Protein backbone atom coordinates (compact mmCIF):
# COMPACT_ATOMS: atom_id res chain seq x y z
CA MET A 1 6.92 -0.87 12.31
CA GLU A 2 8.63 2.22 10.96
CA LYS A 3 5.39 3.70 9.65
CA ARG A 4 1.66 3.04 9.66
CA PRO A 5 1.30 -0.42 8.12
CA THR A 6 -2.18 -0.04 6.62
CA THR A 7 -1.90 -0.63 2.86
CA ALA A 8 -3.89 -1.72 -0.16
CA ILE A 9 -1.92 -4.27 -2.18
CA ILE A 10 -2.83 -4.10 -5.88
CA ASP A 11 -1.90 -7.14 -7.96
CA LEU A 12 -1.40 -5.91 -11.52
CA SER A 13 -0.94 -9.48 -12.74
CA ALA A 14 -4.49 -10.26 -11.59
CA LEU A 15 -5.73 -7.12 -13.34
CA ARG A 16 -4.15 -8.25 -16.60
CA TYR A 17 -5.54 -11.76 -16.12
CA ASN A 18 -9.06 -10.42 -15.76
CA TYR A 19 -8.73 -8.11 -18.75
CA GLN A 20 -7.27 -10.73 -21.06
CA GLY A 21 -9.77 -13.34 -19.88
CA LEU A 22 -12.56 -11.04 -21.00
CA ARG A 23 -10.78 -10.06 -24.21
CA LYS A 24 -10.56 -13.73 -25.26
CA THR A 25 -14.36 -14.07 -25.09
CA LEU A 26 -14.97 -11.18 -27.49
CA SER A 27 -15.00 -11.02 -31.24
CA PRO A 28 -12.09 -9.11 -32.80
CA GLU A 29 -14.52 -6.34 -33.81
CA THR A 30 -15.70 -5.69 -30.25
CA LYS A 31 -13.75 -2.99 -28.45
CA ILE A 32 -13.25 -2.49 -24.70
CA MET A 33 -13.77 0.68 -22.70
CA ALA A 34 -12.13 -0.02 -19.33
CA ILE A 35 -14.00 1.86 -16.63
CA VAL A 36 -11.48 3.56 -14.33
CA LYS A 37 -13.72 6.15 -12.66
CA ALA A 38 -13.62 6.66 -8.89
CA ASN A 39 -9.87 6.09 -8.77
CA ALA A 40 -10.34 2.83 -10.69
CA TYR A 41 -12.81 1.61 -8.09
CA GLY A 42 -10.26 2.40 -5.39
CA HIS A 43 -7.36 0.61 -7.08
CA GLY A 44 -5.52 3.68 -8.35
CA ASP A 45 -6.59 5.14 -11.68
CA ILE A 46 -3.15 6.03 -13.04
CA GLU A 47 -1.41 2.68 -12.46
CA VAL A 48 -4.49 0.73 -13.54
CA SER A 49 -4.87 2.79 -16.71
CA ARG A 50 -1.19 2.51 -17.58
CA THR A 51 -1.38 -1.25 -17.17
CA LEU A 52 -4.56 -1.63 -19.22
CA GLU A 53 -3.32 0.71 -21.93
CA LYS A 54 -0.35 -1.62 -22.41
CA GLU A 55 -2.76 -4.56 -22.51
CA GLY A 56 -4.64 -2.93 -25.38
CA SER A 57 -7.69 -1.25 -23.84
CA ASP A 58 -9.33 0.78 -26.60
CA PHE A 59 -10.97 3.43 -24.43
CA PHE A 60 -11.05 4.53 -20.81
CA GLY A 61 -14.25 5.58 -19.09
CA VAL A 62 -14.30 8.15 -16.30
CA ALA A 63 -17.18 9.81 -14.51
CA ILE A 64 -16.07 13.45 -14.49
CA ALA A 65 -13.77 15.65 -16.54
CA GLU A 66 -11.33 16.05 -13.65
CA GLU A 67 -10.67 12.31 -13.70
CA GLY A 68 -9.99 12.44 -17.42
CA THR A 69 -7.61 15.37 -17.07
CA ARG A 70 -5.72 13.48 -14.38
CA LEU A 71 -5.20 10.54 -16.76
CA ARG A 72 -3.99 12.81 -19.55
CA GLN A 73 -1.52 14.50 -17.23
CA ALA A 74 -0.22 11.05 -16.31
CA GLY A 75 0.46 10.28 -19.96
CA ILE A 76 -2.55 8.15 -20.91
CA GLU A 77 -3.01 8.45 -24.69
CA LYS A 78 -6.04 6.28 -25.55
CA PRO A 79 -9.45 7.99 -25.84
CA VAL A 80 -10.92 9.00 -22.49
CA VAL A 81 -14.72 9.19 -22.38
CA VAL A 82 -16.39 11.35 -19.71
CA LEU A 83 -19.46 9.25 -18.93
CA GLY A 84 -21.16 11.68 -16.57
CA GLY A 85 -21.17 14.52 -19.06
CA ILE A 86 -19.54 17.91 -18.68
CA TYR A 87 -20.46 21.31 -17.33
CA PRO A 88 -20.34 24.57 -19.30
CA GLY A 89 -17.24 25.73 -17.46
CA GLN A 90 -15.35 22.60 -18.56
CA ILE A 91 -15.62 23.09 -22.32
CA LYS A 92 -12.06 24.38 -22.74
CA GLU A 93 -10.70 21.65 -20.44
CA VAL A 94 -12.30 19.01 -22.67
CA PHE A 95 -10.48 20.39 -25.70
CA GLU A 96 -7.20 21.12 -23.95
CA HIS A 97 -6.91 17.53 -22.70
CA ASN A 98 -8.62 15.85 -25.64
CA LEU A 99 -11.42 14.30 -23.61
CA THR A 100 -14.47 12.75 -25.28
CA PRO A 101 -17.65 14.03 -23.63
CA VAL A 102 -20.86 12.08 -23.32
CA VAL A 103 -23.66 14.43 -24.40
CA PHE A 104 -27.36 14.38 -23.51
CA ASP A 105 -28.08 18.11 -23.50
CA ILE A 106 -28.41 20.19 -26.66
CA ASP A 107 -27.07 23.34 -24.98
CA ILE A 108 -23.82 21.56 -24.11
CA ALA A 109 -23.64 20.27 -27.69
CA CYS A 110 -23.97 23.85 -28.90
CA LEU A 111 -21.09 25.03 -26.68
CA LEU A 112 -18.91 22.13 -27.83
CA ASP A 113 -19.65 22.89 -31.48
CA LYS A 114 -18.76 26.56 -31.01
CA GLU A 115 -15.46 25.74 -29.29
CA ALA A 116 -14.63 23.15 -31.93
CA ALA A 117 -15.22 25.73 -34.67
CA GLU A 118 -13.00 28.26 -32.91
CA THR A 119 -10.32 25.63 -32.36
CA GLY A 120 -10.50 24.36 -35.92
CA VAL A 121 -11.27 20.72 -35.11
CA VAL A 122 -14.11 18.24 -35.39
CA LYS A 123 -14.86 17.01 -31.88
CA ASN A 124 -15.85 13.40 -31.18
CA ILE A 125 -18.78 13.01 -28.82
CA HIS A 126 -20.78 10.08 -27.49
CA VAL A 127 -24.52 10.47 -26.93
CA LYS A 128 -26.40 8.73 -24.12
CA ILE A 129 -29.95 7.40 -24.41
CA ASP A 130 -32.04 6.55 -21.34
CA THR A 131 -33.82 3.28 -22.06
CA GLY A 132 -34.98 2.59 -18.52
CA MET A 133 -32.33 3.68 -16.02
CA GLY A 134 -34.15 6.92 -15.26
CA ARG A 135 -30.87 8.74 -14.89
CA LEU A 136 -28.83 10.62 -17.49
CA GLY A 137 -29.68 10.34 -21.18
CA ILE A 138 -32.19 11.29 -23.86
CA LEU A 139 -35.53 9.54 -23.62
CA PRO A 140 -36.40 7.38 -26.65
CA GLY A 141 -39.28 9.68 -27.58
CA ASP A 142 -36.87 12.61 -27.87
CA VAL A 143 -34.15 10.83 -29.86
CA GLU A 144 -35.33 11.88 -33.34
CA SER A 145 -35.73 15.56 -32.49
CA PHE A 146 -32.42 15.64 -30.58
CA PHE A 147 -30.39 14.12 -33.39
CA LYS A 148 -32.06 16.30 -36.01
CA ARG A 149 -30.80 19.33 -34.10
CA LEU A 150 -27.42 17.66 -33.59
CA LYS A 151 -26.99 17.37 -37.36
CA ASP A 152 -26.80 21.17 -37.53
CA PHE A 153 -23.55 21.14 -35.58
CA LYS A 154 -20.93 20.66 -38.28
CA ASN A 155 -17.99 20.55 -35.90
CA LEU A 156 -19.22 17.56 -33.87
CA LYS A 157 -18.96 13.90 -34.83
CA VAL A 158 -21.16 11.33 -33.11
CA GLU A 159 -18.50 8.71 -32.53
CA GLY A 160 -20.63 6.62 -30.19
CA VAL A 161 -24.17 6.10 -28.92
CA MET A 162 -24.71 4.39 -25.58
CA SER A 163 -27.26 3.35 -23.02
CA HIS A 164 -27.08 1.71 -19.60
CA PHE A 165 -28.77 -1.33 -18.08
CA ALA A 166 -30.67 -0.87 -14.83
CA GLU A 167 -30.41 -4.50 -13.63
CA ALA A 168 -27.99 -6.37 -15.85
CA GLU A 169 -27.01 -8.66 -12.98
CA ALA A 170 -30.57 -9.97 -12.51
CA GLU A 171 -31.23 -13.60 -13.39
CA ASP A 172 -34.49 -12.59 -15.08
CA TRP A 173 -33.46 -10.70 -18.19
CA GLY A 174 -36.95 -9.54 -19.12
CA PHE A 175 -36.49 -5.85 -18.34
CA SER A 176 -32.92 -5.76 -19.64
CA ASN A 177 -34.06 -7.32 -22.88
CA SER A 178 -36.72 -4.63 -23.27
CA GLN A 179 -34.01 -2.00 -22.70
CA LEU A 180 -31.78 -3.54 -25.34
CA ASN A 181 -34.62 -3.67 -27.86
CA ALA A 182 -35.49 -0.04 -27.16
CA PHE A 183 -31.86 0.94 -27.62
CA ARG A 184 -31.65 -0.86 -30.93
CA GLU A 185 -34.78 0.92 -32.16
CA CYS A 186 -33.22 4.24 -31.19
CA VAL A 187 -30.02 3.39 -33.05
CA GLU A 188 -32.00 2.51 -36.17
CA CYS A 189 -33.80 5.84 -35.91
CA ILE A 190 -30.46 7.64 -35.69
CA LYS A 191 -29.14 5.81 -38.74
CA ARG A 192 -32.24 6.73 -40.75
CA LEU A 193 -31.35 10.35 -40.06
CA GLY A 194 -28.01 9.78 -41.77
CA ILE A 195 -25.91 9.53 -38.61
CA THR A 196 -23.78 6.39 -38.37
CA PRO A 197 -21.89 6.10 -35.07
CA ASP A 198 -18.67 4.09 -35.02
CA TYR A 199 -19.54 2.55 -31.66
CA ILE A 200 -22.79 1.28 -30.18
CA ASP A 201 -22.47 0.24 -26.55
CA MET A 202 -24.59 -0.80 -23.61
CA ALA A 203 -22.93 -3.76 -21.86
CA ASN A 204 -21.40 -3.31 -18.42
CA SER A 205 -19.62 -6.13 -16.56
CA ALA A 206 -22.72 -8.19 -15.85
CA ALA A 207 -24.20 -7.81 -19.32
CA ALA A 208 -20.90 -8.62 -21.02
CA VAL A 209 -20.76 -11.92 -19.12
CA LEU A 210 -24.44 -12.92 -19.12
CA TYR A 211 -25.90 -11.58 -22.34
CA MET A 212 -23.81 -11.95 -25.50
CA GLU A 213 -26.30 -9.99 -27.62
CA SER A 214 -25.71 -6.90 -25.49
CA ARG A 215 -22.02 -6.69 -26.38
CA LEU A 216 -22.67 -4.95 -29.71
CA ASN A 217 -19.29 -3.54 -30.83
CA LEU A 218 -18.07 -1.96 -27.57
CA ILE A 219 -18.36 -3.07 -23.94
CA ARG A 220 -17.76 -1.12 -20.73
CA PRO A 221 -16.41 -3.49 -18.04
CA GLY A 222 -15.73 -2.07 -14.61
CA ILE A 223 -16.03 -4.12 -11.44
CA MET A 224 -15.04 -7.42 -13.09
CA LEU A 225 -11.66 -6.00 -14.10
CA TYR A 226 -10.93 -5.62 -10.39
CA GLY A 227 -11.80 -9.19 -9.52
CA SER A 228 -15.32 -8.76 -8.22
CA LEU A 229 -18.66 -9.55 -9.81
CA PRO A 230 -21.99 -7.79 -9.27
CA ALA A 231 -23.88 -11.00 -8.43
CA ARG A 232 -22.99 -14.43 -7.02
CA HIS A 233 -24.43 -16.39 -9.92
CA LEU A 234 -21.96 -14.74 -12.29
CA LYS A 235 -19.07 -16.64 -10.70
CA GLU A 236 -20.18 -19.74 -12.56
CA LYS A 237 -19.94 -17.83 -15.84
CA PHE A 238 -16.56 -16.15 -15.60
CA ARG A 239 -13.31 -16.80 -13.74
CA ILE A 240 -11.59 -13.75 -12.28
CA LYS A 241 -8.93 -12.98 -9.69
CA PRO A 242 -9.29 -10.37 -6.93
CA VAL A 243 -6.91 -7.50 -7.58
CA MET A 244 -6.87 -5.82 -4.15
CA GLN A 245 -5.89 -6.95 -0.69
CA LEU A 246 -6.47 -4.55 2.20
CA LYS A 247 -4.21 -5.29 5.12
CA THR A 248 -2.61 -3.85 8.21
CA LYS A 249 -0.72 -5.17 11.25
CA ILE A 250 -1.48 -5.57 14.93
CA LEU A 251 -0.35 -2.41 16.70
CA LYS A 252 -0.94 -3.52 20.28
CA ILE A 253 -2.60 -6.33 22.23
CA LYS A 254 -4.38 -5.65 25.50
CA GLU A 255 -5.29 -8.38 27.96
CA LEU A 256 -8.66 -7.55 29.47
CA GLU A 257 -10.55 -9.27 32.27
CA SER A 258 -14.15 -10.37 31.91
CA GLY A 259 -16.64 -7.50 31.99
CA CYS A 260 -14.44 -4.87 30.35
CA PRO A 261 -15.99 -2.56 27.73
CA VAL A 262 -14.30 -2.01 24.38
CA SER A 263 -14.61 1.08 22.12
CA TYR A 264 -17.30 3.74 21.79
CA GLY A 265 -20.73 3.04 23.14
CA ARG A 266 -19.56 -0.06 25.06
CA ARG A 267 -21.32 -2.27 22.54
CA PHE A 268 -18.72 -5.00 23.22
CA ILE A 269 -18.20 -6.25 26.76
CA THR A 270 -15.70 -9.05 27.33
CA LYS A 271 -17.33 -12.23 28.62
CA ARG A 272 -14.04 -13.86 29.56
CA ARG A 273 -10.39 -12.90 29.89
CA SER A 274 -9.72 -11.66 26.38
CA SER A 275 -6.87 -10.67 24.10
CA ILE A 276 -7.94 -7.55 22.24
CA ALA A 277 -5.77 -6.47 19.32
CA ILE A 278 -5.73 -2.85 18.23
CA ILE A 279 -5.22 -2.41 14.49
CA PRO A 280 -4.43 0.93 12.79
CA ILE A 281 -7.33 1.14 10.37
CA GLY A 282 -10.76 2.70 10.72
CA TYR A 283 -13.69 4.14 8.86
CA ALA A 284 -11.58 7.07 7.60
CA ASP A 285 -9.57 4.45 5.72
CA GLY A 286 -12.62 2.72 4.30
CA LEU A 287 -13.34 0.04 6.93
CA PRO A 288 -17.13 0.43 7.22
CA ARG A 289 -18.41 1.45 10.64
CA ARG A 290 -21.33 -0.89 9.89
CA LEU A 291 -18.92 -3.77 10.62
CA SER A 292 -18.79 -2.73 14.27
CA ASP A 293 -19.04 -5.79 16.51
CA SER A 294 -19.88 -8.01 13.55
CA GLY A 295 -17.18 -7.94 10.89
CA GLU A 296 -14.27 -10.34 10.72
CA VAL A 297 -10.61 -10.13 9.74
CA ILE A 298 -7.94 -12.79 9.22
CA VAL A 299 -4.99 -13.13 11.59
CA ARG A 300 -2.51 -16.03 11.29
CA GLY A 301 -4.97 -17.89 9.09
CA PHE A 302 -7.79 -17.59 11.63
CA ARG A 303 -10.90 -15.47 11.50
CA ALA A 304 -11.18 -12.93 14.31
CA ARG A 305 -14.19 -10.78 15.08
CA ILE A 306 -14.18 -7.01 15.26
CA ALA A 307 -14.76 -6.11 18.91
CA GLY A 308 -16.98 -3.10 19.45
CA THR A 309 -17.30 0.04 17.38
CA VAL A 310 -15.02 0.71 14.42
CA CYS A 311 -13.31 4.05 15.15
CA MET A 312 -12.12 6.66 12.68
CA ASP A 313 -8.47 5.53 12.74
CA LEU A 314 -8.37 2.39 14.88
CA THR A 315 -10.33 -0.82 15.30
CA MET A 316 -10.27 -3.51 17.96
CA VAL A 317 -10.29 -7.22 17.18
CA ASP A 318 -10.83 -10.15 19.54
CA VAL A 319 -7.82 -12.46 18.98
CA THR A 320 -8.36 -14.58 22.09
CA ASP A 321 -8.80 -17.71 19.95
CA VAL A 322 -5.95 -16.95 17.54
CA PRO A 323 -2.95 -19.05 18.68
CA GLY A 324 0.19 -16.99 19.05
CA ALA A 325 -1.33 -13.68 17.97
CA SER A 326 1.37 -11.04 18.38
CA VAL A 327 2.14 -7.42 17.74
CA GLY A 328 3.24 -7.05 14.10
CA ASP A 329 1.10 -9.89 12.75
CA ASP A 330 -0.58 -9.24 9.41
CA VAL A 331 -4.29 -8.53 9.56
CA PHE A 332 -6.31 -8.94 6.36
CA ILE A 333 -9.54 -7.00 5.96
CA ILE A 334 -9.82 -8.04 2.30
CA GLY A 335 -7.75 -10.94 1.01
CA GLY A 336 -5.65 -13.28 3.08
CA ALA A 337 -2.90 -15.86 2.98
CA GLY A 338 -3.37 -19.46 1.88
CA LYS A 339 -6.94 -20.74 2.02
CA ALA A 340 -8.07 -18.27 4.67
CA ARG A 341 -9.50 -15.35 2.72
CA ILE A 342 -12.14 -12.67 2.96
CA THR A 343 -13.54 -11.28 -0.27
CA ALA A 344 -14.80 -7.78 -0.95
CA GLU A 345 -18.21 -9.35 -1.56
CA GLU A 346 -18.21 -10.87 1.94
CA VAL A 347 -17.25 -7.57 3.51
CA ALA A 348 -20.04 -5.92 1.53
CA ASP A 349 -22.60 -8.52 2.61
CA ARG A 350 -21.74 -8.01 6.26
CA ALA A 351 -21.91 -4.24 5.84
CA GLY A 352 -25.23 -4.41 3.99
CA THR A 353 -23.91 -2.94 0.76
CA ILE A 354 -22.18 -3.95 -2.50
CA SER A 355 -18.54 -4.63 -3.29
CA TYR A 356 -18.36 -1.49 -5.44
CA GLU A 357 -18.88 0.70 -2.37
CA ILE A 358 -16.34 -1.22 -0.30
CA LEU A 359 -13.61 -0.95 -2.95
CA CYS A 360 -14.35 2.66 -3.88
CA GLY A 361 -14.43 3.56 -0.19
CA ILE A 362 -10.77 2.73 0.48
CA SER A 363 -9.55 6.26 1.08
CA ARG A 364 -6.56 7.93 -0.52
CA ARG A 365 -4.69 8.01 2.78
CA VAL A 366 -4.24 4.25 2.42
CA PRO A 367 -1.10 3.77 0.27
CA ARG A 368 -1.52 1.59 -2.81
CA ILE A 369 1.36 -0.81 -3.29
CA TYR A 370 1.56 -2.36 -6.76
CA ILE A 371 2.92 -5.87 -7.15
CA GLU A 372 3.34 -8.55 -9.81
CA THR A 373 2.63 -12.17 -8.89
């Protein structure tokens, strides 16, 4: 090992497979906004965006202006929508890098209109409506008054109107259906005011798969592009391929007698003569500390349990029952070889969280290696 072997392997072929698989289920009129916020859910926003731009993605969705600027500086040309809105100090950045802000505050709209007038352009914006998420967005009761004021801004064009489902992955679609109906009523209200957005969108990954009516004319897939789904029952609805494998190699193997403690807090005590492998990955890399003494990895096609507390940079694994385990062997935290595999969803289940957090949590100090399979 010439350098630290902890890497995230990103299969761009799988990314394209997932994108095109979704594209084939859509009508020609329905556009795609690929969500690449949070470093493309840990997969690397620049490489992912470059790949999906070549595949035909119509928009890219980011959370903050800084993410959008990063994509522009990397050469991404398709529209970049800043889903989390912008701050007053970012107005010039939005214009300089041609970012499309999501607006839900009339004061921000006023600042955008003023800058657009001074710049001599008409600025596209998307407006967010809160139909039940209780987060960002205009409440339905305020939609008419908000858009009436928005009509006064002659240098802004409402390119899109959006909302967001609170529980699109739920098997009971009662609440989601009420959200969709409320959104449609809001859109009709906006149209009666003489504003006709080009794009009406609400569907995230789960909604795009489960609820055809929610697709409207633009969808916003995120987690499914990366080969994970927000709920188990969705796997029967849509075939995807995991895009990331997180792997490292055995750094050292220690032979310990029965009764020896391992790692912080001595939560693991050997009950027999044991082979304990030290692997160079820890919670600073994105291996959840919640997997201490309970998570599993794959070594030589066998599952091996994490022994004791996950450390910041290192983790111990009990490889006593892995035949031939040796220094330099591959260790898969996510992924695997052959039939022996661990999914991001399994890691999330063991850690008591969701796959989104696991994937987004792979830190930037873990090199991303991009491959084609």
